[in-house]
Protein backbone atom coordinates (compact mmCIF):
# COMPACT_ATOMS: atom_id res chain seq x y z
CA UNK A 1 10.67 2.33 -14.79
CA UNK A 2 7.46 0.98 -14.60
CA UNK A 3 6.70 -2.83 -14.98
CA UNK A 4 4.35 -4.79 -16.93
CA UNK A 5 3.66 -8.11 -18.02
CA UNK A 6 2.19 -9.59 -20.40
CA UNK A 7 -0.90 -11.60 -18.75
CA UNK A 8 -1.26 -15.47 -20.34
CA UNK A 9 -3.98 -14.59 -22.15
CA UNK A 10 -2.33 -12.96 -24.64
CA UNK A 11 -5.45 -11.11 -26.17
CA UNK A 12 -5.92 -9.49 -22.63
CA UNK A 13 -4.15 -5.53 -21.89
CA UNK A 14 -1.13 -5.37 -20.67
CA UNK A 15 -0.82 -5.06 -17.00
CA UNK A 16 0.83 -2.35 -14.66
CA UNK A 17 2.32 -4.03 -11.41
CA UNK A 18 2.40 -1.63 -8.32
CA UNK A 19 3.85 -2.88 -5.55
CA UNK A 20 3.22 -1.34 -1.35
CA UNK A 21 2.45 -2.06 2.21
CA UNK A 22 -0.84 -1.16 4.48
CA UNK A 23 1.34 0.44 6.90
CA UNK A 24 -0.28 -0.32 10.61
CA UNK A 25 0.05 0.49 14.14
CA UNK A 26 -0.67 -0.52 17.87
CA UNK A 27 -2.19 2.71 19.48
CA UNK A 28 -3.29 1.19 23.17
CA UNK A 29 -3.87 -2.00 21.17
CA UNK A 30 -5.61 -0.61 18.85
CA UNK A 31 -4.90 -1.21 15.56
CA UNK A 32 -4.40 1.92 13.09
CA UNK A 33 -2.81 2.34 9.62
CA UNK A 34 -1.04 5.28 8.39
CA UNK A 35 -2.65 6.64 5.42
CA UNK A 36 -1.05 9.27 2.98
CA UNK A 37 -2.25 11.95 0.10
CA UNK A 38 -1.64 11.24 -3.20
CA UNK A 39 0.87 13.82 -4.67
CA UNK A 40 -1.63 15.16 -7.33
CA UNK A 41 -4.82 15.60 -4.93
CA UNK A 42 -4.35 16.12 -1.34
CA UNK A 43 -8.14 14.51 -0.58
CA UNK A 44 -7.26 11.37 -2.15
CA UNK A 45 -5.94 9.06 1.19
CA UNK A 46 -4.02 6.17 -0.22
CA UNK A 47 -0.92 4.09 0.74
CA UNK A 48 2.29 4.36 -0.22
CA UNK A 49 3.30 1.77 -3.78
CA UNK A 50 4.93 1.94 -6.37
CA UNK A 51 6.44 0.61 -9.60
CA UNK A 52 9.22 -2.17 -9.80
CA UNK A 53 12.78 -1.36 -9.51
CA UNK A 54 14.76 -3.89 -11.53
CA UNK A 55 17.61 -4.06 -8.74
CA UNK A 56 15.23 -4.34 -5.42
CA UNK A 57 12.81 -7.16 -4.90
CA UNK A 58 9.16 -6.55 -4.56
CA UNK A 59 9.41 -6.22 -0.92
CA UNK A 60 12.45 -4.04 -1.01
CA UNK A 61 10.16 -1.68 -3.69
CA UNK A 62 7.28 -1.70 -0.77
CA UNK A 63 9.44 -0.60 1.56
CA UNK A 64 11.39 2.10 0.12
CA UNK A 65 7.91 3.48 -1.02
CA UNK A 66 7.07 3.38 2.11
CA UNK A 67 9.98 5.52 3.12
CA UNK A 68 10.36 7.94 0.33
CA UNK A 69 6.34 8.47 0.11
CA UNK A 70 5.43 8.82 3.90
CA UNK A 71 8.57 8.33 5.52
CA UNK A 72 8.08 5.24 7.51
CA UNK A 73 10.38 2.30 9.25
CA UNK A 74 9.07 -0.63 9.38
CA UNK A 75 8.91 -4.67 8.97
CA UNK A 76 7.45 -5.60 6.47
CA UNK A 77 5.11 -8.98 6.18
CA UNK A 78 6.99 -11.65 4.18
CA UNK A 79 3.59 -12.55 2.17
CA UNK A 80 1.86 -10.56 -0.04
CA UNK A 81 -1.83 -10.42 1.49
CA UNK A 82 -3.54 -8.37 -1.00
CA UNK A 83 -3.89 -8.20 -4.57
CA UNK A 84 -6.96 -6.42 -6.73
CA UNK A 85 -7.47 -4.95 -10.22
CA UNK A 86 -8.39 -1.69 -11.18
CA UNK A 87 -8.72 -0.50 -14.92
CA UNK A 88 -6.52 1.98 -16.53
CA UNK A 89 -6.99 4.29 -19.39
CA UNK A 90 -6.80 2.45 -22.50
CA UNK A 91 -7.87 -0.86 -21.75
CA UNK A 92 -4.45 -1.69 -19.41
CA UNK A 93 -5.12 -2.54 -15.96
CA UNK A 94 -3.40 -1.92 -12.83
CA UNK A 95 -2.21 -4.98 -10.54
CA UNK A 96 -2.51 -3.50 -6.95
CA UNK A 97 0.09 -5.97 -4.31
CA UNK A 98 0.24 -4.84 -0.67
CA UNK A 99 2.71 -6.35 2.14
CA UNK A 100 1.43 -5.54 5.85
CA UNK A 101 4.04 -2.94 7.25
CA UNK A 102 4.06 -2.86 11.01
CA UNK A 103 5.90 0.71 11.81
CA UNK A 104 8.48 1.33 13.93
CA UNK A 105 9.61 4.10 13.16
CA UNK A 106 8.13 7.36 11.97
CA UNK A 107 9.94 10.03 10.34
CA UNK A 108 10.09 14.02 11.02
CA UNK A 109 11.36 14.18 7.50
CA UNK A 110 11.01 12.08 4.55
CA UNK A 111 11.88 12.79 0.73
CA UNK A 112 8.22 13.74 -0.28
CA UNK A 113 7.28 15.35 2.92
CA UNK A 114 6.55 18.55 0.67
CA UNK A 115 4.60 16.65 -1.37
CA UNK A 116 2.35 14.42 1.02
CA UNK A 117 -0.24 14.52 4.32
CA UNK A 118 0.90 11.52 6.22
CA UNK A 119 -1.84 10.55 8.99
CA UNK A 120 -2.44 7.63 11.23
CA UNK A 121 -6.02 6.66 11.96
CA UNK A 122 -8.69 3.74 12.57
CA UNK A 123 -10.05 1.33 10.65
CA UNK A 124 -13.04 3.00 10.56
CA UNK A 125 -11.97 5.99 10.06
CA UNK A 126 -9.52 5.05 6.82
CA UNK A 127 -12.75 2.97 4.98
CA UNK A 128 -13.99 6.66 5.46
CA UNK A 129 -10.75 8.62 4.10
CA UNK A 130 -10.08 5.81 1.66
CA UNK A 131 -11.98 6.75 -1.99
CA UNK A 132 -11.08 3.72 -3.92
CA UNK A 133 -12.66 0.33 -3.67
CA UNK A 134 -9.33 -1.84 -4.44
CA UNK A 135 -7.24 -0.16 -1.55
CA UNK A 136 -10.65 -0.39 1.00
CA UNK A 137 -10.89 -4.07 0.00
CA UNK A 138 -7.23 -4.69 0.37
CA UNK A 139 -7.24 -3.16 3.92
CA UNK A 140 -10.44 -5.13 4.92
CA UNK A 141 -8.34 -7.85 3.62
CA UNK A 142 -4.92 -7.37 5.81
CA UNK A 143 -7.39 -6.49 8.92
CA UNK A 144 -9.24 -10.02 8.73
CA UNK A 145 -5.61 -11.77 8.18
CA UNK A 146 -3.83 -9.81 11.26
CA UNK A 147 -6.73 -10.68 13.20
CA UNK A 148 -6.14 -14.46 12.59
CA UNK A 149 -3.05 -14.32 13.05
CA UNK A 150 -3.69 -13.00 16.39
CA UNK A 151 -5.91 -15.62 17.25
CA UNK A 152 -4.19 -18.34 16.45
CA UNK A 153 -0.68 -17.08 18.80
């Protein structure tokens, strides 16, 4: 079920909201992220995300998508770290809301395994592979926030 909301300005187009995770791991003290391919385009790399489900919180939707699309289990951060808008056809907008997720387990099999590829890459490599500028911005914001949290600890 798609979650759409009418913005405060009623003249604005409807907003299609998706919730996802930026899954990360530390490999020999290097921060890396997990990317997946789109189901429709195996050359398009992105983060797990999906539409709102009435019986789940936004964090639970994000966690579920990480499992279904990428075979990931982990700890989803308490705070959404980034929001971004992209324009869809028909004047509608998509709002992407992502949570950081520290990956604790990479499953060998998962529901959408036959439809997607998965890879673990460095941040610079992720920035090369991800084509969507909104997802790149979200990744950079999350990395900055993780570094800020690490320095505060």
